[in-house]
Amino acid sequence: PPMTRARPAGRLPRRAFCATGAAALASLPAAGAGRGDDDLAARLATIRADHRLPAVWAGRFHADGRAVAACVGVRREGDDDEARLDDPIHVGSCTKAMTAAMVARECSAGRLDWQRTLGDLFPEDVPAGSPWAATTIEELLRHTSGVPANADWHALHAAAPRDPVAARRGMLPWLVGQDRPEARLFGYSNVGYALLGHAVETVRGRPWERLLAEEVFGPLGITGAGTGPVPPDGAEGAWGHVERDGSLEAVRVDNPPPLGPAGRAHLRLSEWASFALAFAKGGVTGREAFEVKDADWDRLLEPGDGGYAGGWGIHDREWGNGRVLSHAGSNTTWFCVAWVAPRRDYCLLGATNCALPAAAAACDAAVATCLDPALLPFEPAGG
């Protein structure tokens, strides 16, 4: 199955591990050519070598526009073409926070409701007699619905290869045929978030992919994002990697389209920061950009029994002055991790273009080193 589960966000080393408006996010340094900050790049080079990865990207981005970011390594193992800060990064399950924001928008607009059920949304596919009919939007968001972790994504895609909306609709009869567990315990589910994306596209009458571009990326000024494999068709960029016969091999593949709302987005590092920082400063930017009412924003980020809110794991960290948000993502050829410190108004991002076991440790080390104030003071000059 696709490796898009959230890795439990462990405690970063203590030594290391919204914005004021859309205009503040737009002022984030552009991710241009090259490797970025030399000091950070040197540290990332050591992490990359220690974990034997093709490339590593990382950065700390503040809501006031200050940032330190870098990347090191190669776009494809065996080639000399160096990775660049403006290469699209595949964020895997970090897509879930984007889908969750879309759900909150629909709740604020009155087209969805946190307690609306699958039976109400899809009466023809999820009949009233099915135990799944009572499954709520909120349960799906918090992974407490009992929905299985994964479906046969390739079979769903094969049934409607040119129509991801129809392919996602195919999850419903399949789900009705599954037993629903009586206990509603936390159980991380890609199916749950694919269903949420399908709920959004159903009430809006437009594909999730189009809504993501227009109503999540668009308001934040994000132009280099998309869904599917990286690099996009006809574009240059970094490739993902798998291990075959003990060696890394560059591949350009992705999760099948039906899984999109659970883990299929890609974007540049600085653009990913723009999205993450929408959750800083009490979500000022996110509430405005995504047109979410205060009560719905608060409910979006209220964790369930598993410590999971809408697309984010909720944790307590000293370096974040308490409550922080975190998520990891992978499409089996990339790995990434995001941390947002809403009480200090910055985010930490790390990524690598392979998903070997070493990738998680490398991303943790990369974001941890970004916490060094020698790279960038936490307060602006004169602050």
Protein backbone atom coordinates (compact mmCIF):
# COMPACT_ATOMS: atom_id res chain seq x y z
CA PRO A 1 0.00 0.00 0.00
CA PRO A 2 1.11 3.62 -0.53
CA MET A 3 3.43 4.75 2.24
CA THR A 4 1.51 7.90 3.15
CA ARG A 5 0.89 7.26 6.81
CA ALA A 6 1.77 9.95 9.30
CA ARG A 7 4.94 9.09 11.13
CA PRO A 8 4.44 9.80 14.83
CA ALA A 9 6.03 13.19 15.40
CA GLY A 10 8.67 12.37 17.98
CA ARG A 11 10.42 14.82 20.29
CA LEU A 12 13.10 16.73 18.47
CA PRO A 13 16.34 17.33 20.37
CA ARG A 14 15.93 20.25 22.78
CA ARG A 15 19.09 21.85 21.46
CA ALA A 16 17.57 21.96 18.05
CA PHE A 17 14.01 20.00 17.83
CA CYS A 18 -1.16 33.72 10.24
CA ALA A 19 1.05 35.34 9.27
CA THR A 20 -0.03 39.00 9.54
CA GLY A 21 -1.79 38.53 6.23
CA ALA A 22 -1.38 37.16 2.74
CA ALA A 23 1.03 39.98 1.94
CA ALA A 24 3.43 38.78 4.64
CA LEU A 25 3.49 35.30 3.16
CA ALA A 26 4.02 36.69 -0.31
CA SER A 27 7.15 38.40 1.01
CA LEU A 28 8.86 35.10 1.85
CA PRO A 29 12.17 34.84 0.01
CA ALA A 30 11.66 33.27 -3.40
CA ALA A 31 13.14 29.82 -3.82
CA GLY A 32 15.55 30.56 -6.61
CA ALA A 33 18.34 28.70 -8.28
CA GLY A 34 21.16 27.25 -6.23
CA ARG A 35 21.42 25.74 -2.83
CA GLY A 36 20.42 28.67 -0.60
CA ASP A 37 22.10 29.62 2.67
CA ASP A 38 25.71 28.42 2.63
CA ASP A 39 25.92 27.74 6.37
CA LEU A 40 22.78 25.61 6.39
CA ALA A 41 23.81 23.92 3.15
CA ALA A 42 27.08 22.80 4.75
CA ARG A 43 25.18 21.22 7.64
CA LEU A 44 22.71 19.55 5.31
CA ALA A 45 25.59 18.13 3.28
CA THR A 46 26.78 16.27 6.38
CA ILE A 47 23.27 14.96 7.07
CA ARG A 48 22.89 13.86 3.46
CA ALA A 49 26.22 12.03 3.51
CA ASP A 50 25.54 10.38 6.89
CA HIS A 51 22.19 9.01 5.65
CA ARG A 52 23.28 8.34 2.04
CA LEU A 53 20.47 10.26 0.37
CA PRO A 54 20.29 11.81 -3.11
CA ALA A 55 19.29 15.29 -1.89
CA VAL A 56 17.96 17.12 1.17
CA TRP A 57 15.89 20.32 1.44
CA ALA A 58 15.21 22.15 4.71
CA GLY A 59 14.38 25.54 6.10
CA ARG A 60 12.93 27.68 8.88
CA PHE A 61 10.37 30.23 7.71
CA HIS A 62 8.92 33.01 9.85
CA ALA A 63 5.56 34.67 9.41
CA ASP A 64 7.25 38.09 9.22
CA GLY A 65 9.00 37.05 6.00
CA ARG A 66 12.43 36.11 7.39
CA ALA A 67 13.75 32.67 6.40
CA VAL A 68 16.80 30.46 6.19
CA ALA A 69 16.63 27.60 3.68
CA ALA A 70 18.97 25.40 1.68
CA CYS A 71 19.23 22.22 -0.34
CA VAL A 72 22.12 19.92 -1.18
CA GLY A 73 22.59 16.88 -3.37
CA VAL A 74 21.51 15.80 -6.82
CA ARG A 75 18.23 15.63 -8.64
CA ARG A 76 18.90 12.07 -9.80
CA GLU A 77 21.29 9.59 -8.25
CA GLY A 78 24.26 9.05 -10.53
CA ASP A 79 23.90 12.42 -12.27
CA ASP A 80 25.77 15.66 -11.62
CA ASP A 81 22.68 17.87 -11.93
CA GLU A 82 22.40 19.55 -8.53
CA ALA A 83 19.14 19.92 -6.64
CA ARG A 84 17.77 23.46 -6.47
CA LEU A 85 15.61 25.34 -4.00
CA ASP A 86 12.98 25.87 -6.68
CA ASP A 87 12.57 22.16 -7.43
CA PRO A 88 9.04 20.94 -6.65
CA ILE A 89 8.95 18.73 -3.57
CA HIS A 90 6.42 15.94 -3.19
CA VAL A 91 4.76 16.34 0.22
CA GLY A 92 2.79 13.07 0.38
CA SER A 93 0.45 12.97 3.35
CA CYS A 94 1.11 16.61 4.19
CA THR A 95 -1.56 17.06 1.51
CA LYS A 96 -4.09 16.08 4.17
CA ALA A 97 -3.86 19.47 5.88
CA MET A 98 -4.77 21.06 2.55
CA THR A 99 -7.82 18.83 2.16
CA ALA A 100 -8.81 19.54 5.77
CA ALA A 101 -8.67 23.29 5.11
CA MET A 102 -10.98 22.76 2.13
CA VAL A 103 -13.43 20.90 4.39
CA ALA A 104 -13.40 23.76 6.92
CA ARG A 105 -14.12 26.21 4.10
CA GLU A 106 -17.14 24.18 3.02
CA CYS A 107 -18.40 23.99 6.60
CA SER A 108 -18.13 27.77 6.94
CA ALA A 109 -20.00 28.20 3.64
CA GLY A 110 -22.78 25.90 4.85
CA ARG A 111 -22.26 23.33 2.11
CA LEU A 112 -20.88 20.80 4.60
CA ASP A 113 -21.21 20.30 8.34
CA TRP A 114 -18.84 18.66 10.81
CA GLN A 115 -21.55 16.18 11.76
CA ARG A 116 -22.82 15.52 8.25
CA THR A 117 -22.71 11.81 7.46
CA LEU A 118 -21.75 9.66 4.52
CA GLY A 119 -25.31 8.39 4.42
CA ASP A 120 -26.60 11.94 4.04
CA LEU A 121 -24.00 12.91 1.43
CA PHE A 122 -24.20 9.73 -0.61
CA PRO A 123 -27.61 8.09 0.05
CA GLU A 124 -27.50 6.00 -3.15
CA ASP A 125 -24.07 4.53 -2.41
CA VAL A 126 -24.17 4.35 1.39
CA PRO A 127 -27.70 3.20 2.28
CA ALA A 128 -29.24 3.92 5.66
CA GLY A 129 -28.91 0.27 6.70
CA SER A 130 -25.12 0.35 6.40
CA PRO A 131 -23.12 0.96 9.59
CA TRP A 132 -20.99 3.34 7.52
CA ALA A 133 -23.96 5.61 6.88
CA ALA A 134 -23.49 7.27 10.28
CA THR A 135 -19.81 8.12 9.64
CA THR A 136 -19.30 11.86 10.10
CA ILE A 137 -17.00 14.39 8.45
CA GLU A 138 -15.41 15.07 11.82
CA GLU A 139 -14.65 11.39 12.41
CA LEU A 140 -12.95 11.17 9.03
CA LEU A 141 -10.88 14.28 9.75
CA ARG A 142 -9.63 12.90 13.07
CA HIS A 143 -9.10 9.31 11.87
CA THR A 144 -11.64 7.97 14.37
CA SER A 145 -14.21 6.62 11.87
CA GLY A 146 -12.97 3.04 11.62
CA VAL A 147 -12.45 3.44 7.86
CA PRO A 148 -9.69 1.10 6.55
CA ALA A 149 -6.23 2.56 6.04
CA ASN A 150 -6.10 1.91 2.30
CA ALA A 151 -8.18 0.68 -0.61
CA ASP A 152 -7.02 -0.93 -3.84
CA TRP A 153 -6.05 2.42 -5.33
CA HIS A 154 -4.79 0.95 -8.59
CA ALA A 155 -8.04 -0.93 -9.16
CA LEU A 156 -10.06 2.22 -8.47
CA HIS A 157 -7.92 4.13 -10.95
CA ALA A 158 -8.22 1.37 -13.56
CA ALA A 159 -12.02 1.53 -13.31
CA ALA A 160 -12.02 5.26 -14.22
CA PRO A 161 -8.54 6.13 -15.52
CA ARG A 162 -9.49 9.57 -16.86
CA ASP A 163 -11.88 10.61 -14.10
CA PRO A 164 -10.48 10.78 -10.54
CA VAL A 165 -13.86 11.96 -9.23
CA ALA A 166 -15.56 8.81 -10.52
CA ALA A 167 -12.65 6.73 -9.24
CA ARG A 168 -13.09 8.19 -5.75
CA ARG A 169 -16.84 7.57 -5.94
CA GLY A 170 -15.89 3.91 -6.42
CA MET A 171 -14.64 3.85 -2.82
CA LEU A 172 -18.21 4.03 -1.53
CA PRO A 173 -19.60 0.65 -2.65
CA TRP A 174 -16.30 -0.91 -1.65
CA LEU A 175 -16.52 0.65 1.81
CA VAL A 176 -20.10 -0.55 2.31
CA GLY A 177 -18.79 -4.08 1.81
CA GLN A 178 -16.29 -3.70 4.68
CA ASP A 179 -17.06 -4.44 8.33
CA ARG A 180 -17.09 -1.35 10.51
CA PRO A 181 -15.36 -1.87 13.88
CA GLU A 182 -17.53 -1.16 16.90
CA ALA A 183 -14.79 0.72 18.76
CA ARG A 184 -14.02 4.11 17.24
CA LEU A 185 -10.32 4.15 18.04
CA PHE A 186 -7.70 6.23 16.23
CA GLY A 187 -6.73 4.56 12.98
CA TYR A 188 -4.79 6.54 10.39
CA SER A 189 -6.60 6.28 7.06
CA ASN A 190 -5.81 7.45 3.55
CA VAL A 191 -9.29 6.29 2.59
CA GLY A 192 -10.81 8.68 5.11
CA TYR A 193 -9.10 11.71 3.57
CA ALA A 194 -9.85 10.56 0.02
CA LEU A 195 -13.50 10.42 1.10
CA LEU A 196 -13.24 13.94 2.52
CA GLY A 197 -11.87 15.17 -0.79
CA HIS A 198 -14.73 13.44 -2.57
CA ALA A 199 -17.25 15.05 -0.20
CA VAL A 200 -15.82 18.47 -1.07
CA GLU A 201 -15.83 17.87 -4.82
CA THR A 202 -19.36 16.47 -4.63
CA VAL A 203 -20.91 19.48 -2.90
CA ARG A 204 -18.98 21.86 -5.17
CA GLY A 205 -19.45 20.01 -8.46
CA ARG A 206 -15.76 20.42 -9.34
CA PRO A 207 -12.81 18.01 -8.98
CA TRP A 208 -10.75 18.17 -5.81
CA GLU A 209 -7.63 18.83 -7.88
CA ARG A 210 -9.15 21.98 -9.39
CA LEU A 211 -10.47 23.21 -6.04
CA LEU A 212 -7.05 22.67 -4.45
CA ALA A 213 -5.42 24.89 -7.07
CA GLU A 214 -8.09 27.59 -7.00
CA GLU A 215 -9.05 27.78 -3.34
CA VAL A 216 -5.97 26.67 -1.40
CA PHE A 217 -2.97 27.51 -3.55
CA GLY A 218 -4.49 30.47 -5.38
CA PRO A 219 -5.29 32.68 -2.36
CA LEU A 220 -1.75 32.15 -1.03
CA GLY A 221 -0.11 33.12 -4.32
CA ILE A 222 1.24 29.59 -4.84
CA THR A 223 1.90 29.05 -8.55
CA GLY A 224 4.42 26.20 -8.69
CA ALA A 225 2.18 23.54 -7.14
CA GLY A 226 0.29 20.61 -8.57
CA THR A 227 -0.59 16.98 -8.09
CA GLY A 228 1.06 13.87 -9.43
CA PRO A 229 4.65 12.80 -10.06
CA VAL A 230 7.59 15.18 -9.87
CA PRO A 231 9.03 16.63 -11.87
CA PRO A 232 5.82 17.44 -13.76
CA ASP A 233 5.55 16.40 -17.41
CA GLY A 234 8.01 18.29 -19.57
CA ALA A 235 9.68 20.04 -16.63
CA GLU A 236 13.10 19.74 -15.06
CA GLY A 237 13.47 18.97 -11.37
CA ALA A 238 14.36 16.41 -8.76
CA TRP A 239 13.16 12.83 -9.12
CA GLY A 240 12.10 10.45 -6.38
CA HIS A 241 14.12 7.33 -5.67
CA VAL A 242 13.63 3.69 -4.70
CA GLU A 243 16.17 1.08 -3.70
CA ARG A 244 16.71 -1.81 -6.10
CA ASP A 245 19.41 -4.43 -5.65
CA GLY A 246 21.09 -2.30 -3.01
CA SER A 247 21.32 0.82 -5.17
CA LEU A 248 19.19 3.94 -5.47
CA GLU A 249 17.25 4.27 -8.70
CA ALA A 250 15.56 7.48 -9.84
CA VAL A 251 11.86 7.05 -10.61
CA ARG A 252 9.04 9.36 -11.57
CA VAL A 253 5.93 7.77 -10.11
CA ASP A 254 3.18 8.70 -7.65
CA ASN A 255 0.19 7.41 -5.77
CA PRO A 256 -2.80 6.75 -8.08
CA PRO A 257 -5.11 9.77 -8.62
CA PRO A 258 -8.01 8.46 -6.47
CA LEU A 259 -5.78 8.87 -3.41
CA GLY A 260 -5.11 12.52 -4.27
CA PRO A 261 -6.73 14.28 -1.26
CA ALA A 262 -4.73 12.04 1.08
CA GLY A 263 -1.27 12.46 -0.43
CA ARG A 264 -0.57 13.63 -3.97
CA ALA A 265 0.46 17.32 -3.85
CA HIS A 266 3.81 18.84 -4.76
CA LEU A 267 5.14 22.40 -4.49
CA ARG A 268 8.33 24.37 -3.90
CA LEU A 269 9.81 24.62 -0.41
CA SER A 270 8.99 28.32 -0.03
CA GLU A 271 5.44 27.70 -1.27
CA TRP A 272 4.98 24.88 1.19
CA ALA A 273 6.08 27.36 3.86
CA SER A 274 3.37 29.77 2.71
CA PHE A 275 0.77 27.08 3.32
CA ALA A 276 2.24 26.00 6.67
CA LEU A 277 2.43 29.60 7.90
CA ALA A 278 -1.28 30.03 7.22
CA PHE A 279 -1.58 28.21 10.56
CA ALA A 280 0.67 30.66 12.43
CA LYS A 281 -0.49 33.78 14.32
CA GLY A 282 -3.74 32.10 15.30
CA GLY A 283 -4.44 31.21 11.70
CA VAL A 284 -5.10 34.81 10.65
CA THR A 285 -3.95 34.15 7.09
CA GLY A 286 -5.59 30.76 6.85
CA ARG A 287 -8.95 31.99 8.07
CA GLU A 288 -8.89 34.83 5.55
CA ALA A 289 -7.38 33.01 2.59
CA PHE A 290 -9.58 29.93 2.92
CA GLU A 291 -12.67 31.89 4.03
CA VAL A 292 -13.09 29.92 7.26
CA LYS A 293 -15.08 31.30 10.19
CA ASP A 294 -13.36 31.49 13.58
CA ALA A 295 -15.49 28.72 15.13
CA ASP A 296 -14.80 26.37 12.22
CA TRP A 297 -11.06 27.13 12.29
CA ASP A 298 -10.92 26.29 15.98
CA ARG A 299 -12.85 23.10 15.41
CA LEU A 300 -10.58 22.14 12.52
CA LEU A 301 -7.58 22.19 14.86
CA GLU A 302 -9.25 20.55 17.85
CA PRO A 303 -7.62 17.11 18.24
CA GLY A 304 -9.51 13.89 18.76
CA ASP A 305 -8.57 11.03 21.06
CA GLY A 306 -5.58 10.16 18.88
CA GLY A 307 -4.10 13.65 19.14
CA TYR A 308 -4.93 14.28 15.49
CA ALA A 309 -6.80 17.32 14.23
CA GLY A 310 -7.62 18.35 10.67
CA GLY A 311 -4.55 17.21 8.76
CA TRP A 312 -2.13 17.78 11.65
CA GLY A 313 -0.83 15.90 14.64
CA ILE A 314 -1.00 18.08 17.76
CA HIS A 315 1.96 18.03 20.16
CA ASP A 316 3.57 19.98 22.96
CA ARG A 317 7.16 21.17 22.47
CA GLU A 318 9.28 23.52 24.54
CA TRP A 319 10.92 25.03 21.44
CA GLY A 320 7.46 26.00 20.18
CA ASN A 321 6.29 27.50 23.48
CA GLY A 322 3.81 24.67 23.85
CA ARG A 323 1.32 23.57 21.21
CA VAL A 324 2.79 22.74 17.79
CA LEU A 325 1.45 21.08 14.63
CA SER A 326 3.28 18.35 12.77
CA HIS A 327 2.93 15.91 9.90
CA ALA A 328 5.13 13.66 7.81
CA GLY A 329 4.50 12.54 4.26
CA SER A 330 5.70 10.12 1.61
CA ASN A 331 4.58 8.71 -1.72
CA THR A 332 7.14 5.86 -1.36
CA THR A 333 9.75 7.76 -3.42
CA TRP A 334 9.93 11.01 -1.38
CA PHE A 335 9.80 11.75 2.34
CA CYS A 336 9.12 15.01 4.16
CA VAL A 337 8.19 16.46 7.53
CA ALA A 338 6.57 19.75 8.57
CA TRP A 339 6.37 21.43 11.97
CA VAL A 340 4.46 24.63 12.71
CA ALA A 341 4.94 26.61 15.94
CA PRO A 342 1.82 28.84 16.05
CA ARG A 343 2.90 30.50 19.31
CA ARG A 344 6.24 31.54 17.84
CA ASP A 345 5.01 32.08 14.28
CA TYR A 346 7.45 29.99 12.29
CA CYS A 347 7.55 26.62 10.58
CA LEU A 348 10.25 24.01 10.00
CA LEU A 349 10.27 21.99 6.79
CA GLY A 350 12.47 19.12 5.65
CA ALA A 351 12.38 16.81 2.64
CA THR A 352 14.41 14.27 0.73
CA ASN A 353 13.86 12.63 -2.64
CA CYS A 354 13.75 9.05 -1.43
CA ALA A 355 11.74 7.17 1.19
CA LEU A 356 14.26 4.71 2.63
CA PRO A 357 14.14 4.21 6.42
CA ALA A 358 17.02 6.68 6.76
CA ALA A 359 14.88 9.43 5.22
CA ALA A 360 12.85 10.04 8.37
CA ALA A 361 15.93 10.41 10.57
CA ALA A 362 17.54 12.69 8.00
CA CYS A 363 14.51 14.98 7.82
CA ASP A 364 14.36 15.15 11.61
CA ALA A 365 18.04 16.07 11.73
CA ALA A 366 17.58 18.65 8.98
CA VAL A 367 14.72 20.50 10.66
CA ALA A 368 16.46 20.23 14.03
CA THR A 369 19.54 22.02 12.75
CA CYS A 370 17.30 24.77 11.37
CA LEU A 371 16.49 25.67 14.98
CA ASP A 372 20.01 26.96 15.57
CA PRO A 373 19.71 30.75 16.10
CA ALA A 374 23.21 31.14 14.66
CA LEU A 375 21.64 30.47 11.25
CA LEU A 376 18.86 32.99 11.79
CA PRO A 377 17.87 34.80 15.01
CA PHE A 378 14.38 34.01 16.21
CA GLU A 379 13.60 37.68 16.69
CA PRO A 380 14.06 40.32 13.98
CA ALA A 381 16.84 42.84 14.37
CA GLY A 382 15.85 45.36 16.99
CA GLY A 383 12.97 43.14 18.08
